[in-house]
C-alpha atoms as a PDB file:
ATOM      1  CA  SER A   1      11.388  50.534  19.553  1.00  0.00           C
ATOM      2  CA  ALA A   2       9.701  46.890  19.794  1.00  0.00           C
ATOM      3  CA  CYS A   3      12.194  44.154  20.719  1.00  0.00           C
ATOM      4  CA  SER A   4      13.112  42.705  17.507  1.00  0.00           C
ATOM      5  CA  PRO A   5      11.442  39.161  15.952  1.00  0.00           C
ATOM      6  CA  GLY A   6      13.541  36.477  17.625  1.00  0.00           C
ATOM      7  CA  TYR A   7      14.759  37.921  20.505  1.00  0.00           C
ATOM      8  CA  PHE A   8      13.110  39.017  23.807  1.00  0.00           C
ATOM      9  CA  CYS A   9      13.267  41.947  25.774  1.00  0.00           C
ATOM     10  CA  ASP A  10      12.369  41.433  29.390  1.00  0.00           C
ATOM     11  CA  GLY A  11      13.162  45.290  31.043  1.00  0.00           C
ATOM     12  CA  MET A  12      12.991  48.611  30.363  1.00  0.00           C
ATOM     13  CA  GLY A  13      15.617  50.678  29.062  1.00  0.00           C
ATOM     14  CA  LEU A  14      17.337  48.199  27.440  1.00  0.00           C
ATOM     15  CA  PRO A  15      20.169  49.214  24.937  1.00  0.00           C
ATOM     16  CA  ALA A  16      19.467  45.872  23.005  1.00  0.00           C
ATOM     17  CA  PRO A  17      17.191  42.676  23.309  1.00  0.00           C
ATOM     18  CA  ARG A  18      18.058  40.603  26.327  1.00  0.00           C
ATOM     19  CA  GLY A  19      18.951  37.515  24.234  1.00  0.00           C
ATOM     20  CA  LEU A  20      17.722  34.915  21.716  1.00  0.00           C
ATOM     21  CA  CYS A  21      14.118  32.866  21.842  1.00  0.00           C
ATOM     22  CA  ASP A  22      14.346  29.887  23.397  1.00  0.00           C
ATOM     23  CA  PRO A  23      14.642  26.613  21.344  1.00  0.00           C
ATOM     24  CA  GLY A  24      11.160  25.184  20.776  1.00  0.00           C
ATOM     25  CA  TYR A  25       9.605  28.790  21.007  1.00  0.00           C
ATOM     26  CA  TYR A  26       9.095  31.726  18.432  1.00  0.00           C
ATOM     27  CA  CYS A  27       9.189  34.880  19.553  1.00  0.00           C
ATOM     28  CA  LEU A  28       7.386  37.936  17.259  1.00  0.00           C
ATOM     29  CA  SER A  29       8.238  41.410  17.441  1.00  0.00           C
ATOM     30  CA  GLY A  30       7.916  42.824  20.661  1.00  0.00           C
ATOM     31  CA  SER A  31       8.201  39.868  22.837  1.00  0.00           C
ATOM     32  CA  TYR A  32       8.995  40.221  26.581  1.00  0.00           C
ATOM     33  CA  THR A  33       9.759  36.396  27.272  1.00  0.00           C
ATOM     34  CA  SER A  34      11.958  33.936  25.809  1.00  0.00           C
ATOM     35  CA  ALA A  35       9.197  31.511  25.953  1.00  0.00           C
ATOM     36  CA  PRO A  36       6.152  32.954  25.121  1.00  0.00           C
ATOM     37  CA  HIS A  37       3.045  31.291  26.096  1.00  0.00           C
ATOM     38  CA  ALA A  38       5.261  28.620  27.664  1.00  0.00           C
ATOM     39  CA  PRO A  39       2.940  25.835  29.804  1.00  0.00           C
ATOM     40  CA  GLY A  40       2.155  27.177  33.115  1.00  0.00           C
ATOM     41  CA  SER A  41       3.338  30.890  32.278  1.00  0.00           C
ATOM     42  CA  PRO A  42       0.998  33.343  33.611  1.00  0.00           C
ATOM     43  CA  THR A  43       0.557  34.901  30.317  1.00  0.00           C
ATOM     44  CA  VAL A  44      -0.574  31.526  28.553  1.00  0.00           C
ATOM     45  CA  ALA A  45      -3.996  32.631  27.861  1.00  0.00           C
ATOM     46  CA  GLU A  46      -3.208  35.864  27.002  1.00  0.00           C
ATOM     47  CA  PRO A  47      -4.458  36.934  23.338  1.00  0.00           C
ATOM     48  CA  SER A  48      -1.427  39.141  22.726  1.00  0.00           C
ATOM     49  CA  SER A  49       0.757  38.231  19.723  1.00  0.00           C
ATOM     50  CA  ILE A  50       4.206  38.068  20.747  1.00  0.00           C
ATOM     51  CA  GLY A  51       4.844  34.321  19.795  1.00  0.00           C
ATOM     52  CA  GLY A  52       4.417  30.873  21.293  1.00  0.00           C
ATOM     53  CA  LEU A  53       5.298  27.325  21.634  1.00  0.00           C
ATOM     54  CA  CYS A  54       6.396  25.761  18.432  1.00  0.00           C
ATOM     55  CA  PRO A  55       3.194  24.116  16.752  1.00  0.00           C
ATOM     56  CA  ALA A  56       2.874  20.403  15.861  1.00  0.00           C
ATOM     57  CA  GLY A  57       4.110  20.062  12.052  1.00  0.00           C
ATOM     58  CA  GLY A  58       6.947  22.716  12.081  1.00  0.00           C
ATOM     59  CA  TYR A  59      10.176  23.338  14.332  1.00  0.00           C
ATOM     60  CA  CYS A  60      11.672  26.008  15.955  1.00  0.00           C
ATOM     61  CA  PRO A  61      15.608  26.422  16.401  1.00  0.00           C
ATOM     62  CA  THR A  62      17.039  28.883  18.953  1.00  0.00           C
ATOM     63  CA  GLY A  63      16.149  32.572  18.124  1.00  0.00           C
ATOM     64  CA  SER A  64      13.260  31.599  16.104  1.00  0.00           C
ATOM     65  CA  SER A  65      11.043  34.276  14.579  1.00  0.00           C
ATOM     66  CA  PHE A  66       8.328  32.289  13.021  1.00  0.00           C
ATOM     67  CA  PRO A  67       8.080  28.319  13.094  1.00  0.00           C
ATOM     68  CA  LEU A  68       9.699  26.418  10.425  1.00  0.00           C
ATOM     69  CA  SER A  69       7.984  23.762   8.447  1.00  0.00           C
ATOM     70  CA  CYS A  70       8.727  20.310   8.432  1.00  0.00           C
ATOM     71  CA  ASP A  71       9.688  19.072   4.781  1.00  0.00           C
ATOM     72  CA  PRO A  72       7.456  17.166   2.271  1.00  0.00           C
ATOM     73  CA  GLY A  73       7.282  13.537   3.048  1.00  0.00           C
ATOM     74  CA  THR A  74       7.782  14.027   6.915  1.00  0.00           C
ATOM     75  CA  TYR A  75       5.526  15.225   9.944  1.00  0.00           C
ATOM     76  CA  ASN A  76       5.857  16.145  13.355  1.00  0.00           C
ATOM     77  CA  ASN A  77       2.276  15.716  15.580  1.00  0.00           C
ATOM     78  CA  PHE A  78       4.032  17.030  18.767  1.00  0.00           C
ATOM     79  CA  THR A  79       4.396  20.732  19.884  1.00  0.00           C
ATOM     80  CA  GLY A  80       7.841  22.362  21.258  1.00  0.00           C
ATOM     81  CA  ALA A  81       9.674  20.787  18.285  1.00  0.00           C
ATOM     82  CA  VAL A  82      13.700  22.195  17.974  1.00  0.00           C
ATOM     83  CA  THR A  83      15.404  20.895  14.935  1.00  0.00           C
ATOM     84  CA  GLN A  84      14.436  19.136  11.573  1.00  0.00           C
ATOM     85  CA  THR A  85      15.373  15.776  13.007  1.00  0.00           C
ATOM     86  CA  ASP A  86      12.336  16.313  15.108  1.00  0.00           C
ATOM     87  CA  CYS A  87      10.388  15.643  11.998  1.00  0.00           C
ATOM     88  CA  GLN A  88       9.811  12.090  11.341  1.00  0.00           C
ATOM     89  CA  ASN A  89       9.573  10.313   7.947  1.00  0.00           C
ATOM     90  CA  CYS A  90       6.282   9.419   6.548  1.00  0.00           C
ATOM     91  CA  ASP A  91       5.318   6.078   7.944  1.00  0.00           C
ATOM     92  CA  PRO A  92       5.312   3.021   5.246  1.00  0.00           C
ATOM     93  CA  GLY A  93       1.712   3.141   3.946  1.00  0.00           C
ATOM     94  CA  MET A  94       1.057   6.485   4.349  1.00  0.00           C
ATOM     95  CA  TYR A  95       1.702   9.705   2.463  1.00  0.00           C
ATOM     96  CA  CYS A  96       2.609  13.455   3.857  1.00  0.00           C
ATOM     97  CA  ALA A  97       1.962  15.589   0.872  1.00  0.00           C
ATOM     98  CA  GLY A  98       3.431  19.446   1.267  1.00  0.00           C
ATOM     99  CA  SER A  99       4.950  20.871   4.194  1.00  0.00           C
ATOM    100  CA  ASN A 100       4.015  21.598   7.799  1.00  0.00           C
ATOM    101  CA  ASN A 101       1.924  18.527   8.513  1.00  0.00           C
ATOM    102  CA  PRO A 102       1.126  17.334  12.013  1.00  0.00           C
ATOM    103  CA  PHE A 103       0.314  14.183  10.821  1.00  0.00           C
ATOM    104  CA  PRO A 104       0.394  11.969   7.648  1.00  0.00           C
ATOM    105  CA  SER A 105      -2.288  13.296   4.724  1.00  0.00           C
ATOM    106  CA  GLY A 106      -3.562   9.624   4.407  1.00  0.00           C
ATOM    107  CA  PRO A 107      -3.305   6.119   3.037  1.00  0.00           C
ATOM    108  CA  CYS A 108      -1.137   5.227  -0.035  1.00  0.00           C
ATOM    109  CA  ALA A 109      -3.690   4.704  -3.179  1.00  0.00           C
ATOM    110  CA  ALA A 110      -4.956   1.305  -4.025  1.00  0.00           C
ATOM    111  CA  GLY A 111      -2.459   0.281  -6.902  1.00  0.00           C
ATOM    112  CA  TYR A 112       0.391   2.078  -5.389  1.00  0.00           C
ATOM    113  CA  TYR A 113       2.480   1.310  -2.219  1.00  0.00           C
ATOM    114  CA  CYS A 114       4.651   3.617  -0.103  1.00  0.00           C
ATOM    115  CA  THR A 115       7.580   2.436   1.321  1.00  0.00           C
ATOM    116  CA  GLY A 116       8.049   5.713   3.579  1.00  0.00           C
ATOM    117  CA  SER A 117       8.699   9.458   3.373  1.00  0.00           C
ATOM    118  CA  ALA A 118       5.847   9.494   0.335  1.00  0.00           C
ATOM    119  CA  ILE A 119       4.909  12.943  -0.668  1.00  0.00           C
ATOM    120  CA  SER A 120       1.943  11.489  -2.770  1.00  0.00           C
ATOM    121  CA  PRO A 121      -0.115   8.741  -2.555  1.00  0.00           C
ATOM    122  CA  THR A 122       1.058   7.102  -5.842  1.00  0.00           C
ATOM    123  CA  GLN A 123       4.770   6.846  -4.731  1.00  0.00           C
ATOM    124  CA  HIS A 124       5.321   3.447  -6.508  1.00  0.00           C
ATOM    125  CA  LEU A 125       3.576   2.124  -9.101  1.00  0.00           C
ATOM    126  CA  THR A 126       2.489  -1.761  -8.294  1.00  0.00           C
ATOM    127  CA  GLY A 127       4.017  -4.060 -11.135  1.00  0.00           C
ATOM    128  CA  PRO A 128       1.735  -6.695 -13.139  1.00  0.00           C
ATOM    129  CA  GLY A 129       1.501  -9.871 -11.191  1.00  0.00           C
ATOM    130  CA  TYR A 130       0.863  -7.865  -7.986  1.00  0.00           C
ATOM    131  CA  TYR A 131      -1.773  -5.918  -6.176  1.00  0.00           C
ATOM    132  CA  THR A 132      -2.103  -3.357  -3.402  1.00  0.00           C
ATOM    133  CA  GLU A 133      -4.964  -2.254  -1.220  1.00  0.00           C
ATOM    134  CA  ALA A 134      -5.145   1.308  -0.072  1.00  0.00           C
ATOM    135  CA  GLY A 135      -2.732   1.888   2.658  1.00  0.00           C
ATOM    136  CA  SER A 136       0.038  -0.737   1.526  1.00  0.00           C
ATOM    137  CA  ALA A 137       3.683  -0.559   2.259  1.00  0.00           C
ATOM    138  CA  TYR A 138       4.521  -3.154  -0.358  1.00  0.00           C
ATOM    139  CA  PRO A 139       3.215  -5.146  -3.212  1.00  0.00           C
ATOM    140  CA  VAL A 140       1.714  -8.553  -2.691  1.00  0.00           C
ATOM    141  CA  PRO A 141       1.675 -11.033  -5.124  1.00  0.00           C
ATOM    142  CA  CYS A 142      -1.353 -12.725  -6.823  1.00  0.00           C
ATOM    143  CA  SER A 143      -2.373 -15.869  -5.440  1.00  0.00           C
ATOM    144  CA  PRO A 144      -2.264 -19.347  -7.541  1.00  0.00           C
ATOM    145  CA  GLY A 145      -5.414 -19.221  -9.358  1.00  0.00           C
ATOM    146  CA  TYR A 146      -5.146 -15.173  -9.902  1.00  0.00           C
ATOM    147  CA  PHE A 147      -3.211 -13.252 -12.250  1.00  0.00           C
ATOM    148  CA  ASN A 148      -2.889  -9.406 -13.054  1.00  0.00           C
ATOM    149  CA  ALA A 149      -1.753  -8.603 -16.386  1.00  0.00           C
ATOM    150  CA  GLN A 150      -1.793  -4.992 -15.704  1.00  0.00           C
ATOM    151  CA  SER A 151       0.243  -2.572 -13.337  1.00  0.00           C
ATOM    152  CA  GLY A 152      -1.587  -0.239 -10.875  1.00  0.00           C
ATOM    153  CA  GLN A 153      -4.216  -2.823  -9.754  1.00  0.00           C
ATOM    154  CA  GLY A 154      -6.183  -2.976  -6.306  1.00  0.00           C
ATOM    155  CA  ALA A 155      -6.731  -6.529  -6.544  1.00  0.00           C
ATOM    156  CA  CYS A 156      -6.181  -9.801  -8.524  1.00  0.00           C
ATOM    157  CA  THR A 157      -8.250 -11.407 -11.303  1.00  0.00           C
ATOM    158  CA  PRO A 158      -9.502 -14.893 -11.183  1.00  0.00           C
ATOM    159  CA  CYS A 159      -7.957 -16.870 -13.602  1.00  0.00           C
ATOM    160  CA  VAL A 160     -10.158 -17.168 -16.637  1.00  0.00           C
ATOM    161  CA  GLU A 161     -12.070 -20.320 -17.394  1.00  0.00           C
ATOM    162  CA  GLY A 162     -10.016 -22.889 -19.895  1.00  0.00           C
ATOM    163  CA  TRP A 163      -6.935 -21.344 -18.319  1.00  0.00           C
ATOM    164  CA  TYR A 164      -4.614 -21.896 -15.105  1.00  0.00           C
ATOM    165  CA  CYS A 165      -2.784 -19.767 -13.096  1.00  0.00           C
ATOM    166  CA  LEU A 166       0.112 -22.231 -11.357  1.00  0.00           C
ATOM    167  CA  ASN A 167       1.853 -20.223  -9.301  1.00  0.00           C
ATOM    168  CA  GLN A 168       2.095 -16.690  -7.319  1.00  0.00           C
ATOM    169  CA  SER A 169       2.545 -13.110  -9.487  1.00  0.00           C
ATOM    170  CA  THR A 170       1.052 -14.880 -12.793  1.00  0.00           C
ATOM    171  CA  ILE A 171       1.033 -12.310 -15.511  1.00  0.00           C
ATOM    172  CA  VAL A 172       0.556 -14.832 -18.634  1.00  0.00           C
ATOM    173  CA  LEU A 173      -2.013 -17.456 -18.400  1.00  0.00           C
ATOM    174  CA  THR A 174      -1.618 -21.170 -19.196  1.00  0.00           C
ATOM    175  CA  VAL A 175      -4.030 -23.076 -21.485  1.00  0.00           C
ATOM    176  CA  CYS A 176      -5.939 -25.760 -19.904  1.00  0.00           C
ATOM    177  CA  PRO A 177      -4.193 -29.068 -21.309  1.00  0.00           C
ATOM    178  CA  VAL A 178      -5.817 -32.446 -22.754  1.00  0.00           C
ATOM    179  CA  GLY A 179      -7.199 -34.568 -20.602  1.00  0.00           C
ATOM    180  CA  HIS A 180      -8.204 -31.871 -18.236  1.00  0.00           C
ATOM    181  CA  TYR A 181     -10.637 -29.275 -17.642  1.00  0.00           C
ATOM    182  CA  CYS A 182     -10.099 -25.552 -15.883  1.00  0.00           C
ATOM    183  CA  PRO A 183     -13.051 -23.741 -14.432  1.00  0.00           C
ATOM    184  CA  THR A 184     -12.496 -19.887 -13.149  1.00  0.00           C
ATOM    185  CA  GLY A 185      -9.946 -19.637 -10.669  1.00  0.00           C
ATOM    186  CA  THR A 186      -8.024 -22.990 -11.407  1.00  0.00           C
ATOM    187  CA  ALA A 187      -4.689 -22.907  -9.866  1.00  0.00           C
ATOM    188  CA  THR A 188      -4.038 -26.457 -10.986  1.00  0.00           C
ATOM    189  CA  PRO A 189      -5.734 -28.309 -14.168  1.00  0.00           C
ATOM    190  CA  ARG A 190      -8.407 -30.951 -12.781  1.00  0.00           C
ATOM    191  CA  LYS A 191      -8.249 -34.313 -14.663  1.00  0.00           C
ATOM    192  CA  CYS A 192     -11.169 -35.511 -16.364  1.00  0.00           C
ATOM    193  CA  PRO A 193     -12.802 -38.399 -14.246  1.00  0.00           C
ATOM    194  CA  GLN A 194     -12.874 -42.237 -14.577  1.00  0.00           C
ATOM    195  CA  GLY A 195     -15.118 -43.225 -17.553  1.00  0.00           C
ATOM    196  CA  THR A 196     -14.066 -39.847 -19.600  1.00  0.00           C
ATOM    197  CA  PHE A 197     -11.386 -38.231 -21.723  1.00  0.00           C
ATOM    198  CA  SER A 198     -10.603 -35.404 -23.300  1.00  0.00           C
ATOM    199  CA  ASN A 199      -8.220 -34.752 -26.745  1.00  0.00           C
ATOM    200  CA  LYS A 200      -8.648 -31.040 -26.858  1.00  0.00           C
ATOM    201  CA  GLN A 201      -7.516 -27.925 -24.669  1.00  0.00           C
ATOM    202  CA  GLN A 202      -9.200 -25.219 -23.088  1.00  0.00           C
ATOM    203  CA  ASN A 203     -11.794 -27.150 -21.184  1.00  0.00           C
ATOM    204  CA  ARG A 204     -13.868 -25.146 -19.028  1.00  0.00           C
ATOM    205  CA  ASN A 205     -15.829 -27.639 -17.217  1.00  0.00           C
ATOM    206  CA  VAL A 206     -16.252 -31.450 -16.545  1.00  0.00           C
ATOM    207  CA  THR A 207     -18.996 -31.670 -18.727  1.00  0.00           C
ATOM    208  CA  GLU A 208     -16.787 -30.887 -21.572  1.00  0.00           C
ATOM    209  CA  CYS A 209     -14.637 -34.344 -21.009  1.00  0.00           C
ATOM    210  CA  ASP A 210     -16.068 -36.710 -23.606  1.00  0.00           C
ATOM    211  CA  ALA A 211     -17.934 -39.957 -22.106  1.00  0.00           C
ATOM    212  CA  CYS A 212     -15.842 -43.059 -22.822  1.00  0.00           C
ATOM    213  CA  THR A 213     -16.571 -44.083 -26.393  1.00  0.00           C
ATOM    214  CA  ALA A 214     -18.973 -47.306 -26.722  1.00  0.00           C
ATOM    215  CA  GLY A 215     -17.133 -50.315 -26.970  1.00  0.00           C
ATOM    216  CA  MET A 216     -14.066 -48.926 -25.325  1.00  0.00           C
ATOM    217  CA  TYR A 217     -13.163 -48.294 -21.551  1.00  0.00           C
ATOM    218  CA  CYS A 218     -11.618 -45.107 -19.783  1.00  0.00           C
ATOM    219  CA  TYR A 219      -9.481 -46.847 -16.659  1.00  0.00           C
ATOM    220  CA  SER A 220      -8.034 -43.799 -14.986  1.00  0.00           C
ATOM    221  CA  ASN A 221      -8.098 -39.849 -14.690  1.00  0.00           C
ATOM    222  CA  GLY A 222      -6.798 -37.473 -16.953  1.00  0.00           C
ATOM    223  CA  LEU A 223      -7.201 -39.328 -20.268  1.00  0.00           C
ATOM    224  CA  THR A 224      -6.581 -37.865 -23.671  1.00  0.00           C
ATOM    225  CA  ALA A 225      -7.956 -41.218 -25.194  1.00  0.00           C
ATOM    226  CA  PRO A 226      -9.738 -44.234 -24.203  1.00  0.00           C
ATOM    227  CA  THR A 227      -7.619 -46.685 -22.627  1.00  0.00           C
ATOM    228  CA  GLY A 228      -8.528 -49.562 -24.772  1.00  0.00           C
ATOM    229  CA  LEU A 229     -11.123 -51.950 -26.269  1.00  0.00           C
ATOM    230  CA  CYS A 230     -13.745 -53.809 -24.337  1.00  0.00           C
ATOM    231  CA  SER A 231     -12.403 -57.108 -23.046  1.00  0.00           C
ATOM    232  CA  GLU A 232     -13.885 -60.461 -25.080  1.00  0.00           C
ATOM    233  CA  GLY A 233     -17.070 -61.519 -23.440  1.00  0.00           C
ATOM    234  CA  TYR A 234     -18.064 -58.072 -22.122  1.00  0.00           C
ATOM    235  CA  TYR A 235     -19.315 -55.026 -23.490  1.00  0.00           C
ATOM    236  CA  CYS A 236     -18.862 -51.468 -22.836  1.00  0.00           C
ATOM    237  CA  PRO A 237     -22.265 -49.004 -23.675  1.00  0.00           C
ATOM    238  CA  GLY A 238     -19.966 -45.906 -23.603  1.00  0.00           C
ATOM    239  CA  GLY A 239     -18.988 -43.900 -20.405  1.00  0.00           C
ATOM    240  CA  GLN A 240     -17.252 -46.902 -18.714  1.00  0.00           C
END
């Protein structure tokens, strides 16, 4: 009868198989060698179905009748693997879906990050205040001047005009204070220039700072009211 799977029979009149298939190989029914189609073997090009070198994505312990698959979240990109430990954990930033992977399945999805051994492109959801591009291994904080109020974002949003985002990882915007103005993407409020003032919040542009009142002067930056009355003997037409 044909030699049992996982074994080899290399002679005639054998009462039992000669032995187990070599580690790193698998032997199908009828195998006559412990290392079917081994590199350099004269039978390596034969089309016979007696087994072969363990393929990438799997491993073959001693006596294997078929390749065992690497577990989900792992891969193996070389042939002739022997144990599960030859399958390596999926790389950070990548995912390995299903089993029997010779290579990672692809990069982690934008808005998510993969720290290693991921079985899907959405291993970890990126939290508010952070962002992750495709293939990220860790979340990146939004820079000052940007924010993210929602989870799962692939980029941060510039701070809205009239508001500012002072720190990294901003989630909640801060209203632009009196005496200042905040264009889109502001990290630090800008002071209204000399000759102007503003007593209202949420200015979006320098043009929303009021010109100094006629008869008064505005000496410094960032004023919320004119500095004082024009000196005796002088006149102040406004905007001074």
